[in-house]
Amino acid sequence: MSAGRFAALALTVAVAPLSSGVAAAARLHRVVIDHMKFGPLSANVRVGDAILWINHDMFQHSATARDGSFDVDLAPGKSGKTIVRKTGAIAFACKYHPGMTGVIKVAP
């Protein structure tokens, strides 16, 4: 193999991993619970991202997915984290206060 051909092959091999579609890094989304409501949800949640649920109320709350994909209990003033594992719309509520609801829209 000539030196020029070998250099071209080496360059192709070195560049290949960079162009093979590196996955985006997971992000952290914060949802504040205050005044008996879930705060605004990020519009760009993706599979693998984390959601930090922060309870600013003086009552016990939860973030409980209706499909069972997550269930976080939150004592007053505490927080908890979940990792998003599936795409689509995930409806959730507080199991202690069923009127507190929301939906996370998750992209792949």
PDB file of N, CA and C in Angstrom:
ATOM      1  N   MET A   1       0.854  -1.169   0.000  1.00  0.00           N
ATOM      2  CA  MET A   1       0.000   0.000   0.000  1.00  0.00           C
ATOM      3  C   MET A   1       0.896   1.226   0.000  1.00  0.00           C
ATOM      4  N   SER A   2       0.586   2.188  -0.832  1.00  0.00           N
ATOM      5  CA  SER A   2       1.415   3.385  -0.923  1.00  0.00           C
ATOM      6  C   SER A   2       1.191   4.258   0.303  1.00  0.00           C
ATOM      7  N   ALA A   3       2.148   5.145   0.576  1.00  0.00           N
ATOM      8  CA  ALA A   3       2.064   6.026   1.748  1.00  0.00           C
ATOM      9  C   ALA A   3       0.840   6.929   1.669  1.00  0.00           C
ATOM     10  N   GLY A   4       0.515   7.426   0.469  1.00  0.00           N
ATOM     11  CA  GLY A   4      -0.641   8.308   0.298  1.00  0.00           C
ATOM     12  C   GLY A   4      -1.951   7.595   0.586  1.00  0.00           C
ATOM     13  N   ARG A   5      -2.072   6.350   0.112  1.00  0.00           N
ATOM     14  CA  ARG A   5      -3.279   5.558   0.361  1.00  0.00           C
ATOM     15  C   ARG A   5      -3.428   5.241   1.837  1.00  0.00           C
ATOM     16  N   PHE A   6      -2.309   4.911   2.479  1.00  0.00           N
ATOM     17  CA  PHE A   6      -2.330   4.604   3.902  1.00  0.00           C
ATOM     18  C   PHE A   6      -2.767   5.830   4.715  1.00  0.00           C
ATOM     19  N   ALA A   7      -2.274   7.010   4.365  1.00  0.00           N
ATOM     20  CA  ALA A   7      -2.644   8.247   5.067  1.00  0.00           C
ATOM     21  C   ALA A   7      -4.136   8.519   4.905  1.00  0.00           C
ATOM     22  N   ALA A   8      -4.673   8.307   3.692  1.00  0.00           N
ATOM     23  CA  ALA A   8      -6.106   8.531   3.460  1.00  0.00           C
ATOM     24  C   ALA A   8      -6.946   7.554   4.269  1.00  0.00           C
ATOM     25  N   LEU A   9      -6.515   6.294   4.353  1.00  0.00           N
ATOM     26  CA  LEU A   9      -7.232   5.300   5.135  1.00  0.00           C
ATOM     27  C   LEU A   9      -7.201   5.660   6.612  1.00  0.00           C
ATOM     28  N   ALA A  10      -6.053   6.096   7.110  1.00  0.00           N
ATOM     29  CA  ALA A  10      -5.925   6.469   8.515  1.00  0.00           C
ATOM     30  C   ALA A  10      -6.823   7.649   8.833  1.00  0.00           C
ATOM     31  N   LEU A  11      -6.917   8.622   7.941  1.00  0.00           N
ATOM     32  CA  LEU A  11      -7.768   9.785   8.144  1.00  0.00           C
ATOM     33  C   LEU A  11      -9.232   9.368   8.190  1.00  0.00           C
ATOM     34  N   THR A  12      -9.641   8.474   7.326  1.00  0.00           N
ATOM     35  CA  THR A  12     -11.024   7.997   7.311  1.00  0.00           C
ATOM     36  C   THR A  12     -11.370   7.302   8.621  1.00  0.00           C
ATOM     37  N   VAL A  13     -10.483   6.462   9.113  1.00  0.00           N
ATOM     38  CA  VAL A  13     -10.722   5.754  10.367  1.00  0.00           C
ATOM     39  C   VAL A  13     -10.767   6.727  11.537  1.00  0.00           C
ATOM     40  N   ALA A  14      -9.894   7.721  11.549  1.00  0.00           N
ATOM     41  CA  ALA A  14      -9.848   8.677  12.647  1.00  0.00           C
ATOM     42  C   ALA A  14     -11.094   9.547  12.675  1.00  0.00           C
ATOM     43  N   VAL A  15     -11.660   9.866  11.538  1.00  0.00           N
ATOM     44  CA  VAL A  15     -12.816  10.751  11.472  1.00  0.00           C
ATOM     45  C   VAL A  15     -14.128  10.005  11.665  1.00  0.00           C
ATOM     46  N   ALA A  16     -14.175   8.734  11.348  1.00  0.00           N
ATOM     47  CA  ALA A  16     -15.418   7.973  11.379  1.00  0.00           C
ATOM     48  C   ALA A  16     -16.172   8.079  12.697  1.00  0.00           C
ATOM     49  N   PRO A  17     -15.544   7.932  13.868  1.00  0.00           N
ATOM     50  CA  PRO A  17     -16.320   8.019  15.097  1.00  0.00           C
ATOM     51  C   PRO A  17     -16.966   9.384  15.308  1.00  0.00           C
ATOM     52  N   LEU A  18     -16.371  10.440  14.798  1.00  0.00           N
ATOM     53  CA  LEU A  18     -16.926  11.774  14.977  1.00  0.00           C
ATOM     54  C   LEU A  18     -18.198  11.976  14.174  1.00  0.00           C
ATOM     55  N   SER A  19     -18.324  11.290  13.066  1.00  0.00           N
ATOM     56  CA  SER A  19     -19.487  11.489  12.218  1.00  0.00           C
ATOM     57  C   SER A  19     -20.521  10.379  12.374  1.00  0.00           C
ATOM     58  N   SER A  20     -20.381   9.524  13.370  1.00  0.00           N
ATOM     59  CA  SER A  20     -21.286   8.379  13.498  1.00  0.00           C
ATOM     60  C   SER A  20     -22.512   8.673  14.355  1.00  0.00           C
ATOM     61  N   GLY A  21     -22.787   9.940  14.665  1.00  0.00           N
ATOM     62  CA  GLY A  21     -23.994  10.287  15.406  1.00  0.00           C
ATOM     63  C   GLY A  21     -23.846  10.119  16.900  1.00  0.00           C
ATOM     64  N   VAL A  22     -23.118  10.974  17.523  1.00  0.00           N
ATOM     65  CA  VAL A  22     -22.926  10.927  18.967  1.00  0.00           C
ATOM     66  C   VAL A  22     -24.207  11.389  19.649  1.00  0.00           C
ATOM     67  N   ALA A  23     -24.664  10.659  20.640  1.00  0.00           N
ATOM     68  CA  ALA A  23     -25.893  11.005  21.356  1.00  0.00           C
ATOM     69  C   ALA A  23     -25.689  12.274  22.183  1.00  0.00           C
ATOM     70  N   ALA A  24     -26.730  13.067  22.287  1.00  0.00           N
ATOM     71  CA  ALA A  24     -26.675  14.285  23.088  1.00  0.00           C
ATOM     72  C   ALA A  24     -26.591  13.929  24.570  1.00  0.00           C
ATOM     73  N   ALA A  25     -25.923  14.763  25.326  1.00  0.00           N
ATOM     74  CA  ALA A  25     -25.773  14.538  26.764  1.00  0.00           C
ATOM     75  C   ALA A  25     -27.124  14.721  27.457  1.00  0.00           C
ATOM     76  N   ALA A  26     -27.355  13.932  28.479  1.00  0.00           N
ATOM     77  CA  ALA A  26     -28.597  14.042  29.253  1.00  0.00           C
ATOM     78  C   ALA A  26     -28.649  15.400  29.938  1.00  0.00           C
ATOM     79  N   ARG A  27     -29.848  15.934  30.065  1.00  0.00           N
ATOM     80  CA  ARG A  27     -30.030  17.243  30.701  1.00  0.00           C
ATOM     81  C   ARG A  27     -30.863  17.092  31.957  1.00  0.00           C
ATOM     82  N   LEU A  28     -30.774  18.080  32.835  1.00  0.00           N
ATOM     83  CA  LEU A  28     -31.552  18.115  34.063  1.00  0.00           C
ATOM     84  C   LEU A  28     -32.633  19.179  33.917  1.00  0.00           C
ATOM     85  N   HIS A  29     -33.884  18.774  34.143  1.00  0.00           N
ATOM     86  CA  HIS A  29     -35.028  19.686  34.092  1.00  0.00           C
ATOM     87  C   HIS A  29     -35.572  19.820  35.512  1.00  0.00           C
ATOM     88  N   ARG A  30     -35.896  21.028  35.925  1.00  0.00           N
ATOM     89  CA  ARG A  30     -36.418  21.267  37.276  1.00  0.00           C
ATOM     90  C   ARG A  30     -37.916  21.577  37.197  1.00  0.00           C
ATOM     91  N   VAL A  31     -38.676  20.927  38.085  1.00  0.00           N
ATOM     92  CA  VAL A  31     -40.102  21.212  38.221  1.00  0.00           C
ATOM     93  C   VAL A  31     -40.336  21.572  39.684  1.00  0.00           C
ATOM     94  N   VAL A  32     -40.756  22.809  39.917  1.00  0.00           N
ATOM     95  CA  VAL A  32     -41.012  23.282  41.277  1.00  0.00           C
ATOM     96  C   VAL A  32     -42.495  23.112  41.586  1.00  0.00           C
ATOM     97  N   ILE A  33     -42.765  22.527  42.745  1.00  0.00           N
ATOM     98  CA  ILE A  33     -44.131  22.387  43.235  1.00  0.00           C
ATOM     99  C   ILE A  33     -44.326  23.472  44.282  1.00  0.00           C
ATOM    100  N   ASP A  34     -45.311  24.347  44.029  1.00  0.00           N
ATOM    101  CA  ASP A  34     -45.552  25.471  44.926  1.00  0.00           C
ATOM    102  C   ASP A  34     -47.026  25.859  44.829  1.00  0.00           C
ATOM    103  N   HIS A  35     -47.622  26.197  45.966  1.00  0.00           N
ATOM    104  CA  HIS A  35     -49.032  26.609  46.011  1.00  0.00           C
ATOM    105  C   HIS A  35     -49.945  25.537  45.415  1.00  0.00           C
ATOM    106  N   MET A  36     -49.614  24.271  45.729  1.00  0.00           N
ATOM    107  CA  MET A  36     -50.429  23.129  45.311  1.00  0.00           C
ATOM    108  C   MET A  36     -50.498  22.972  43.791  1.00  0.00           C
ATOM    109  N   LYS A  37     -49.420  23.354  43.082  1.00  0.00           N
ATOM    110  CA  LYS A  37     -49.358  23.209  41.628  1.00  0.00           C
ATOM    111  C   LYS A  37     -47.965  22.762  41.217  1.00  0.00           C
ATOM    112  N   PHE A  38     -47.914  22.001  40.129  1.00  0.00           N
ATOM    113  CA  PHE A  38     -46.645  21.692  39.496  1.00  0.00           C
ATOM    114  C   PHE A  38     -46.267  22.886  38.636  1.00  0.00           C
ATOM    115  N   GLY A  39     -45.037  23.328  38.739  1.00  0.00           N
ATOM    116  CA  GLY A  39     -44.563  24.445  37.926  1.00  0.00           C
ATOM    117  C   GLY A  39     -44.441  24.056  36.466  1.00  0.00           C
ATOM    118  N   PRO A  40     -44.041  25.018  35.644  1.00  0.00           N
ATOM    119  CA  PRO A  40     -43.945  24.735  34.211  1.00  0.00           C
ATOM    120  C   PRO A  40     -42.946  23.627  33.904  1.00  0.00           C
ATOM    121  N   LEU A  41     -43.276  22.858  32.886  1.00  0.00           N
ATOM    122  CA  LEU A  41     -42.426  21.761  32.442  1.00  0.00           C
ATOM    123  C   LEU A  41     -41.680  22.185  31.189  1.00  0.00           C
ATOM    124  N   SER A  42     -40.459  21.747  31.093  1.00  0.00           N
ATOM    125  CA  SER A  42     -39.650  22.026  29.910  1.00  0.00           C
ATOM    126  C   SER A  42     -40.306  21.398  28.686  1.00  0.00           C
ATOM    127  N   ALA A  43     -40.219  22.091  27.566  1.00  0.00           N
ATOM    128  CA  ALA A  43     -40.811  21.585  26.329  1.00  0.00           C
ATOM    129  C   ALA A  43     -39.864  20.663  25.565  1.00  0.00           C
ATOM    130  N   ASN A  44     -38.644  20.523  26.016  1.00  0.00           N
ATOM    131  CA  ASN A  44     -37.673  19.739  25.242  1.00  0.00           C
ATOM    132  C   ASN A  44     -37.056  18.607  26.057  1.00  0.00           C
ATOM    133  N   VAL A  45     -37.905  17.820  26.710  1.00  0.00           N
ATOM    134  CA  VAL A  45     -37.437  16.663  27.480  1.00  0.00           C
ATOM    135  C   VAL A  45     -37.195  15.506  26.511  1.00  0.00           C
ATOM    136  N   ARG A  46     -36.077  14.811  26.718  1.00  0.00           N
ATOM    137  CA  ARG A  46     -35.717  13.680  25.866  1.00  0.00           C
ATOM    138  C   ARG A  46     -35.462  12.449  26.727  1.00  0.00           C
ATOM    139  N   VAL A  47     -35.553  11.274  26.125  1.00  0.00           N
ATOM    140  CA  VAL A  47     -35.249  10.030  26.824  1.00  0.00           C
ATOM    141  C   VAL A  47     -33.820  10.126  27.374  1.00  0.00           C
ATOM    142  N   GLY A  48     -33.645   9.739  28.634  1.00  0.00           N
ATOM    143  CA  GLY A  48     -32.345   9.807  29.293  1.00  0.00           C
ATOM    144  C   GLY A  48     -32.161  11.042  30.144  1.00  0.00           C
ATOM    145  N   ASP A  49     -32.988  12.065  29.946  1.00  0.00           N
ATOM    146  CA  ASP A  49     -32.911  13.273  30.768  1.00  0.00           C
ATOM    147  C   ASP A  49     -33.402  12.977  32.183  1.00  0.00           C
ATOM    148  N   ALA A  50     -32.992  13.814  33.117  1.00  0.00           N
ATOM    149  CA  ALA A  50     -33.444  13.701  34.503  1.00  0.00           C
ATOM    150  C   ALA A  50     -34.411  14.846  34.804  1.00  0.00           C
ATOM    151  N   ILE A  51     -35.371  14.559  35.661  1.00  0.00           N
ATOM    152  CA  ILE A  51     -36.273  15.597  36.158  1.00  0.00           C
ATOM    153  C   ILE A  51     -36.080  15.683  37.658  1.00  0.00           C
ATOM    154  N   LEU A  52     -35.764  16.878  38.129  1.00  0.00           N
ATOM    155  CA  LEU A  52     -35.632  17.139  39.556  1.00  0.00           C
ATOM    156  C   LEU A  52     -36.927  17.788  40.014  1.00  0.00           C
ATOM    157  N   TRP A  53     -37.659  17.095  40.869  1.00  0.00           N
ATOM    158  CA  TRP A  53     -38.928  17.577  41.411  1.00  0.00           C
ATOM    159  C   TRP A  53     -38.603  18.259  42.738  1.00  0.00           C
ATOM    160  N   ILE A  54     -39.001  19.522  42.904  1.00  0.00           N
ATOM    161  CA  ILE A  54     -38.664  20.306  44.090  1.00  0.00           C
ATOM    162  C   ILE A  54     -39.962  20.749  44.764  1.00  0.00           C
ATOM    163  N   ASN A  55     -40.168  20.327  46.012  1.00  0.00           N
ATOM    164  CA  ASN A  55     -41.388  20.646  46.743  1.00  0.00           C
ATOM    165  C   ASN A  55     -41.171  21.879  47.621  1.00  0.00           C
ATOM    166  N   HIS A  56     -41.727  23.006  47.209  1.00  0.00           N
ATOM    167  CA  HIS A  56     -41.653  24.239  48.009  1.00  0.00           C
ATOM    168  C   HIS A  56     -42.860  24.409  48.921  1.00  0.00           C
ATOM    169  N   ASP A  57     -43.823  23.501  48.845  1.00  0.00           N
ATOM    170  CA  ASP A  57     -45.011  23.582  49.699  1.00  0.00           C
ATOM    171  C   ASP A  57     -44.718  23.054  51.095  1.00  0.00           C
ATOM    172  N   MET A  58     -45.664  23.316  51.994  1.00  0.00           N
ATOM    173  CA  MET A  58     -45.525  22.790  53.356  1.00  0.00           C
ATOM    174  C   MET A  58     -46.302  21.487  53.528  1.00  0.00           C
ATOM    175  N   PHE A  59     -46.692  20.883  52.404  1.00  0.00           N
ATOM    176  CA  PHE A  59     -47.425  19.614  52.404  1.00  0.00           C
ATOM    177  C   PHE A  59     -46.608  18.539  51.687  1.00  0.00           C
ATOM    178  N   GLN A  60     -46.852  17.281  52.049  1.00  0.00           N
ATOM    179  CA  GLN A  60     -46.282  16.136  51.327  1.00  0.00           C
ATOM    180  C   GLN A  60     -46.897  16.087  49.937  1.00  0.00           C
ATOM    181  N   HIS A  61     -46.082  15.857  48.914  1.00  0.00           N
ATOM    182  CA  HIS A  61     -46.563  15.701  47.551  1.00  0.00           C
ATOM    183  C   HIS A  61     -45.881  14.497  46.922  1.00  0.00           C
ATOM    184  N   SER A  62     -46.332  14.147  45.743  1.00  0.00           N
ATOM    185  CA  SER A  62     -45.644  13.140  44.938  1.00  0.00           C
ATOM    186  C   SER A  62     -45.711  13.569  43.482  1.00  0.00           C
ATOM    187  N   ALA A  63     -44.847  12.995  42.701  1.00  0.00           N
ATOM    188  CA  ALA A  63     -44.921  13.072  41.246  1.00  0.00           C
ATOM    189  C   ALA A  63     -45.052  11.625  40.816  1.00  0.00           C
ATOM    190  N   THR A  64     -46.268  11.226  40.464  1.00  0.00           N
ATOM    191  CA  THR A  64     -46.581   9.830  40.193  1.00  0.00           C
ATOM    192  C   THR A  64     -47.130   9.689  38.779  1.00  0.00           C
ATOM    193  N   ALA A  65     -46.393   8.975  37.932  1.00  0.00           N
ATOM    194  CA  ALA A  65     -46.837   8.753  36.550  1.00  0.00           C
ATOM    195  C   ALA A  65     -48.049   7.831  36.548  1.00  0.00           C
ATOM    196  N   ARG A  66     -49.023   8.172  35.760  1.00  0.00           N
ATOM    197  CA  ARG A  66     -50.236   7.350  35.675  1.00  0.00           C
ATOM    198  C   ARG A  66     -49.940   5.970  35.083  1.00  0.00           C
ATOM    199  N   ASP A  67     -48.880   5.876  34.279  1.00  0.00           N
ATOM    200  CA  ASP A  67     -48.522   4.584  33.683  1.00  0.00           C
ATOM    201  C   ASP A  67     -47.539   3.795  34.547  1.00  0.00           C
ATOM    202  N   GLY A  68     -47.204   4.313  35.725  1.00  0.00           N
ATOM    203  CA  GLY A  68     -46.307   3.609  36.643  1.00  0.00           C
ATOM    204  C   GLY A  68     -44.825   3.763  36.346  1.00  0.00           C
ATOM    205  N   SER A  69     -44.455   4.604  35.378  1.00  0.00           N
ATOM    206  CA  SER A  69     -43.044   4.718  34.996  1.00  0.00           C
ATOM    207  C   SER A  69     -42.189   5.462  36.025  1.00  0.00           C
ATOM    208  N   PHE A  70     -42.801   6.241  36.910  1.00  0.00           N
ATOM    209  CA  PHE A  70     -42.070   6.854  38.024  1.00  0.00           C
ATOM    210  C   PHE A  70     -43.032   7.205  39.148  1.00  0.00           C
ATOM    211  N   ASP A  71     -42.489   7.294  40.347  1.00  0.00           N
ATOM    212  CA  ASP A  71     -43.262   7.654  41.540  1.00  0.00           C
ATOM    213  C   ASP A  71     -42.279   8.212  42.564  1.00  0.00           C
ATOM    214  N   VAL A  72     -42.311   9.517  42.747  1.00  0.00           N
ATOM    215  CA  VAL A  72     -41.382  10.187  43.649  1.00  0.00           C
ATOM    216  C   VAL A  72     -42.179  10.832  44.777  1.00  0.00           C
ATOM    217  N   ASP A  73     -41.893  10.430  46.027  1.00  0.00           N
ATOM    218  CA  ASP A  73     -42.509  11.076  47.191  1.00  0.00           C
ATOM    219  C   ASP A  73     -41.638  12.247  47.618  1.00  0.00           C
ATOM    220  N   LEU A  74     -42.290  13.367  47.930  1.00  0.00           N
ATOM    221  CA  LEU A  74     -41.572  14.591  48.248  1.00  0.00           C
ATOM    222  C   LEU A  74     -42.086  15.190  49.550  1.00  0.00           C
ATOM    223  N   ALA A  75     -41.297  15.060  50.594  1.00  0.00           N
ATOM    224  CA  ALA A  75     -41.643  15.695  51.869  1.00  0.00           C
ATOM    225  C   ALA A  75     -41.561  17.209  51.693  1.00  0.00           C
ATOM    226  N   PRO A  76     -42.211  17.973  52.563  1.00  0.00           N
ATOM    227  CA  PRO A  76     -42.136  19.430  52.461  1.00  0.00           C
ATOM    228  C   PRO A  76     -40.685  19.908  52.441  1.00  0.00           C
ATOM    229  N   GLY A  77     -40.366  20.780  51.480  1.00  0.00           N
ATOM    230  CA  GLY A  77     -39.030  21.340  51.374  1.00  0.00           C
ATOM    231  C   GLY A  77     -37.986  20.408  50.784  1.00  0.00           C
ATOM    232  N   LYS A  78     -38.371  19.234  50.333  1.00  0.00           N
ATOM    233  CA  LYS A  78     -37.414  18.252  49.800  1.00  0.00           C
ATOM    234  C   LYS A  78     -37.541  18.130  48.282  1.00  0.00           C
ATOM    235  N   SER A  79     -36.617  17.380  47.700  1.00  0.00           N
ATOM    236  CA  SER A  79     -36.654  17.153  46.260  1.00  0.00           C
ATOM    237  C   SER A  79     -36.338  15.687  45.964  1.00  0.00           C
ATOM    238  N   GLY A  80     -36.628  15.285  44.743  1.00  0.00           N
ATOM    239  CA  GLY A  80     -36.341  13.928  44.290  1.00  0.00           C
ATOM    240  C   GLY A  80     -36.165  13.942  42.786  1.00  0.00           C
ATOM    241  N   LYS A  81     -35.475  12.942  42.270  1.00  0.00           N
ATOM    242  CA  LYS A  81     -35.138  12.933  40.848  1.00  0.00           C
ATOM    243  C   LYS A  81     -35.624  11.651  40.177  1.00  0.00           C
ATOM    244  N   THR A  82     -36.053  11.794  38.928  1.00  0.00           N
ATOM    245  CA  THR A  82     -36.406  10.649  38.091  1.00  0.00           C
ATOM    246  C   THR A  82     -35.645  10.770  36.773  1.00  0.00           C
ATOM    247  N   ILE A  83     -35.428   9.639  36.136  1.00  0.00           N
ATOM    248  CA  ILE A  83     -34.820   9.599  34.813  1.00  0.00           C
ATOM    249  C   ILE A  83     -35.918   9.208  33.826  1.00  0.00           C
ATOM    250  N   VAL A  84     -36.042   9.942  32.747  1.00  0.00           N
ATOM    251  CA  VAL A  84     -37.061   9.666  31.734  1.00  0.00           C
ATOM    252  C   VAL A  84     -36.595   8.491  30.880  1.00  0.00           C
ATOM    253  N   ARG A  85     -37.430   7.454  30.799  1.00  0.00           N
ATOM    254  CA  ARG A  85     -37.034   6.213  30.123  1.00  0.00           C
ATOM    255  C   ARG A  85     -37.821   5.898  28.857  1.00  0.00           C
ATOM    256  N   LYS A  86     -38.872   6.707  28.541  1.00  0.00           N
ATOM    257  CA  LYS A  86     -39.676   6.383  27.361  1.00  0.00           C
ATOM    258  C   LYS A  86     -40.164   7.654  26.691  1.00  0.00           C
ATOM    259  N   THR A  87     -40.511   7.528  25.429  1.00  0.00           N
ATOM    260  CA  THR A  87     -41.007   8.669  24.669  1.00  0.00           C
ATOM    261  C   THR A  87     -42.516   8.791  24.806  1.00  0.00           C
ATOM    262  N   GLY A  88     -43.027   9.914  24.343  1.00  0.00           N
ATOM    263  CA  GLY A  88     -44.469  10.137  24.335  1.00  0.00           C
ATOM    264  C   GLY A  88     -44.909  11.060  25.451  1.00  0.00           C
ATOM    265  N   ALA A  89     -46.200  11.157  25.612  1.00  0.00           N
ATOM    266  CA  ALA A  89     -46.801  11.985  26.655  1.00  0.00           C
ATOM    267  C   ALA A  89     -46.972  11.135  27.916  1.00  0.00           C
ATOM    268  N   ILE A  90     -46.401  11.586  29.013  1.00  0.00           N
ATOM    269  CA  ILE A  90     -46.508  10.866  30.285  1.00  0.00           C
ATOM    270  C   ILE A  90     -47.327  11.728  31.245  1.00  0.00           C
ATOM    271  N   ALA A  91     -48.564  11.303  31.499  1.00  0.00           N
ATOM    272  CA  ALA A  91     -49.433  12.007  32.443  1.00  0.00           C
ATOM    273  C   ALA A  91     -49.008  11.647  33.861  1.00  0.00           C
ATOM    274  N   PHE A  92     -49.045  12.635  34.754  1.00  0.00           N
ATOM    275  CA  PHE A  92     -48.691  12.389  36.149  1.00  0.00           C
ATOM    276  C   PHE A  92     -49.587  13.214  37.059  1.00  0.00           C
ATOM    277  N   ALA A  93     -49.596  12.859  38.336  1.00  0.00           N
ATOM    278  CA  ALA A  93     -50.394  13.558  39.333  1.00  0.00           C
ATOM    279  C   ALA A  93     -49.728  13.399  40.693  1.00  0.00           C
ATOM    280  N   CYS A  94     -50.228  14.145  41.649  1.00  0.00           N
ATOM    281  CA  CYS A  94     -49.828  13.956  43.044  1.00  0.00           C
ATOM    282  C   CYS A  94     -50.803  12.946  43.643  1.00  0.00           C
ATOM    283  N   LYS A  95     -50.279  11.851  44.185  1.00  0.00           N
ATOM    284  CA  LYS A  95     -51.185  10.827  44.727  1.00  0.00           C
ATOM    285  C   LYS A  95     -51.879  11.295  46.003  1.00  0.00           C
ATOM    286  N   TYR A  96     -51.373  12.334  46.644  1.00  0.00           N
ATOM    287  CA  TYR A  96     -52.010  12.875  47.851  1.00  0.00           C
ATOM    288  C   TYR A  96     -53.028  13.961  47.517  1.00  0.00           C
ATOM    289  N   HIS A  97     -52.865  14.594  46.363  1.00  0.00           N
ATOM    290  CA  HIS A  97     -53.748  15.679  45.923  1.00  0.00           C
ATOM    291  C   HIS A  97     -54.063  15.456  44.441  1.00  0.00           C
ATOM    292  N   PRO A  98     -55.027  14.589  44.126  1.00  0.00           N
ATOM    293  CA  PRO A  98     -55.295  14.174  42.743  1.00  0.00           C
ATOM    294  C   PRO A  98     -55.629  15.304  41.777  1.00  0.00           C
ATOM    295  N   GLY A  99     -55.982  16.472  42.287  1.00  0.00           N
ATOM    296  CA  GLY A  99     -56.251  17.617  41.415  1.00  0.00           C
ATOM    297  C   GLY A  99     -54.983  18.238  40.850  1.00  0.00           C
ATOM    298  N   MET A 100     -53.840  17.868  41.407  1.00  0.00           N
ATOM    299  CA  MET A 100     -52.551  18.365  40.906  1.00  0.00           C
ATOM    300  C   MET A 100     -52.087  17.411  39.801  1.00  0.00           C
ATOM    301  N   THR A 101     -52.102  17.883  38.568  1.00  0.00           N
ATOM    302  CA  THR A 101     -51.767  17.019  37.439  1.00  0.00           C
ATOM    303  C   THR A 101     -50.832  17.736  36.462  1.00  0.00           C
ATOM    304  N   GLY A 102     -50.272  16.950  35.577  1.00  0.00           N
ATOM    305  CA  GLY A 102     -49.433  17.505  34.512  1.00  0.00           C
ATOM    306  C   GLY A 102     -49.128  16.433  33.490  1.00  0.00           C
ATOM    307  N   VAL A 103     -48.458  16.850  32.423  1.00  0.00           N
ATOM    308  CA  VAL A 103     -48.040  15.931  31.371  1.00  0.00           C
ATOM    309  C   VAL A 103     -46.634  16.320  30.934  1.00  0.00           C
ATOM    310  N   ILE A 104     -45.763  15.315  30.857  1.00  0.00           N
ATOM    311  CA  ILE A 104     -44.425  15.508  30.311  1.00  0.00           C
ATOM    312  C   ILE A 104     -44.450  14.987  28.883  1.00  0.00           C
ATOM    313  N   LYS A 105     -44.014  15.800  27.949  1.00  0.00           N
ATOM    314  CA  LYS A 105     -43.937  15.377  26.536  1.00  0.00           C
ATOM    315  C   LYS A 105     -42.473  15.068  26.244  1.00  0.00           C
ATOM    316  N   VAL A 106     -42.209  13.794  25.959  1.00  0.00           N
ATOM    317  CA  VAL A 106     -40.841  13.308  25.818  1.00  0.00           C
ATOM    318  C   VAL A 106     -40.543  12.921  24.372  1.00  0.00           C
ATOM    319  N   ALA A 107     -39.497  13.532  23.827  1.00  0.00           N
ATOM    320  CA  ALA A 107     -39.032  13.207  22.474  1.00  0.00           C
ATOM    321  C   ALA A 107     -37.985  12.097  22.568  1.00  0.00           C
ATOM    322  N   PRO A 108     -37.777  11.366  21.480  1.00  0.00           N
ATOM    323  CA  PRO A 108     -36.771  10.281  21.511  1.00  0.00           C
ATOM    324  C   PRO A 108     -35.360  10.831  21.685  1.00  0.00           C
TER     325      PRO A 108
END
